[in-house]
């Protein structure tokens, strides 16, 4: 078994990052319960398990994205990484023609 002798205060301090995650999980569980009562829906056990299991992974994903953003900022890259959309869902009729002063 792997054990390390560290001061009790430091060991307790290492658990501080888990407090916000626990608060997020509890508020989401309460939110699902309140939503289901308000709209006469039934949440199954799997809905609650998805929240409890998924929230830590989602927090890791957010932390990784934040670290990547900080690294990009420190490198001086301030471009906006946006998903490119070609507008393929729009038809010519929905786009319309550009306005000109002669048509007014």
Protein backbone atom coordinates (compact mmCIF):
# COMPACT_ATOMS: atom_id res chain seq x y z
CA UNK A 1 0.00 0.00 0.00
CA UNK A 2 1.30 3.44 -0.92
CA UNK A 3 1.38 5.86 1.98
CA UNK A 4 3.05 9.20 2.43
CA UNK A 5 3.56 10.99 5.70
CA UNK A 6 2.53 14.63 5.33
CA UNK A 7 1.12 17.11 7.82
CA UNK A 8 -2.62 16.83 8.44
CA UNK A 9 -3.22 20.45 7.37
CA UNK A 10 -1.55 19.84 4.01
CA UNK A 11 -3.50 16.63 3.49
CA UNK A 12 -6.76 18.49 4.15
CA UNK A 13 -5.69 21.30 1.80
CA UNK A 14 -5.23 18.79 -1.01
CA UNK A 15 -8.96 17.99 -0.86
CA UNK A 16 -10.02 21.63 -1.38
CA UNK A 17 -10.38 21.27 -5.21
CA UNK A 18 -13.01 18.58 -4.67
CA UNK A 19 -15.32 20.95 -2.76
CA UNK A 20 -16.51 22.91 -5.85
CA UNK A 21 -17.02 19.67 -7.77
CA UNK A 22 -19.09 18.28 -4.91
CA UNK A 23 -21.17 21.47 -4.82
CA UNK A 24 -21.74 21.25 -8.60
CA UNK A 25 -22.83 17.62 -8.33
CA UNK A 26 -25.24 18.35 -5.47
CA UNK A 27 -26.80 21.37 -7.20
CA UNK A 28 -27.24 19.41 -10.44
CA UNK A 29 -28.88 16.53 -8.59
CA UNK A 30 -31.23 18.97 -6.87
CA UNK A 31 -31.88 20.64 -10.22
CA UNK A 32 -32.83 17.36 -11.90
CA UNK A 33 -35.12 16.50 -9.03
CA UNK A 34 -36.78 19.93 -9.08
CA UNK A 35 -37.17 19.83 -12.87
CA UNK A 36 -38.82 16.42 -12.72
CA UNK A 37 -41.24 17.53 -10.01
CA UNK A 38 -42.11 20.75 -11.86
CA UNK A 39 -42.84 19.01 -15.17
CA UNK A 40 -44.28 15.76 -13.80
CA UNK A 41 -41.43 13.71 -15.24
CA UNK A 42 -39.65 10.78 -13.71
CA UNK A 43 -35.86 10.67 -13.52
CA UNK A 44 -34.43 7.20 -13.44
CA UNK A 45 -31.43 6.07 -11.48
CA UNK A 46 -29.34 6.23 -14.67
CA UNK A 47 -29.96 10.02 -14.94
CA UNK A 48 -28.50 10.56 -11.51
CA UNK A 49 -25.61 8.19 -12.18
CA UNK A 50 -24.76 10.02 -15.42
CA UNK A 51 -24.51 13.26 -13.46
CA UNK A 52 -22.41 11.83 -10.63
CA UNK A 53 -20.06 10.00 -12.99
CA UNK A 54 -19.95 12.61 -15.75
CA UNK A 55 -19.36 15.81 -13.79
CA UNK A 56 -15.73 15.05 -12.79
CA UNK A 57 -14.83 14.20 -16.40
CA UNK A 58 -16.51 17.37 -17.63
CA UNK A 59 -14.57 19.40 -15.05
CA UNK A 60 -11.33 17.82 -16.31
CA UNK A 61 -12.31 18.78 -19.85
CA UNK A 62 -12.99 22.38 -18.78
CA UNK A 63 -9.68 22.53 -16.90
CA UNK A 64 -7.79 21.25 -19.95
CA UNK A 65 -9.47 23.83 -22.18
CA UNK A 66 -8.63 26.59 -19.70
CA UNK A 67 -4.98 25.50 -19.54
CA UNK A 68 -4.81 25.38 -23.34
CA UNK A 69 -6.28 28.90 -23.51
CA UNK A 70 -3.72 30.21 -21.02
CA UNK A 71 -0.84 28.65 -22.97
CA UNK A 72 -2.13 30.14 -26.23
CA UNK A 73 -2.51 33.54 -24.57
CA UNK A 74 1.03 33.41 -23.17
CA UNK A 75 2.36 32.49 -26.62
CA UNK A 76 0.67 35.62 -27.97
CA UNK A 77 -1.91 33.78 -30.04
CA UNK A 78 -5.10 35.77 -29.58
CA UNK A 79 -7.05 34.42 -32.53
CA UNK A 80 -10.52 33.09 -32.08
CA UNK A 81 -10.71 29.36 -32.71
CA UNK A 82 -14.12 29.04 -34.27
CA UNK A 83 -15.72 26.14 -36.06
CA UNK A 84 -15.89 26.94 -39.74
CA UNK A 85 -19.39 26.79 -41.18
CA UNK A 86 -19.87 27.18 -44.90
CA UNK A 87 -23.53 28.13 -44.72
CA UNK A 88 -24.46 24.97 -46.60
CA UNK A 89 -27.78 24.80 -44.78
CA UNK A 90 -28.91 28.11 -46.31
CA UNK A 91 -30.59 28.31 -49.69
CA UNK A 92 -30.27 31.17 -52.14
CA UNK A 93 -33.78 32.33 -51.26
CA UNK A 94 -33.03 32.56 -47.55
CA UNK A 95 -29.85 34.55 -48.15
CA UNK A 96 -31.51 37.15 -50.34
CA UNK A 97 -29.80 39.74 -52.42
CA UNK A 98 -27.69 42.52 -51.01
CA UNK A 99 -29.47 45.81 -50.52
CA UNK A 100 -28.63 48.62 -52.86
CA UNK A 101 -29.65 52.24 -52.78
CA UNK A 102 -31.42 51.93 -56.14
CA UNK A 103 -33.88 49.38 -54.73
CA UNK A 104 -35.04 51.76 -51.98
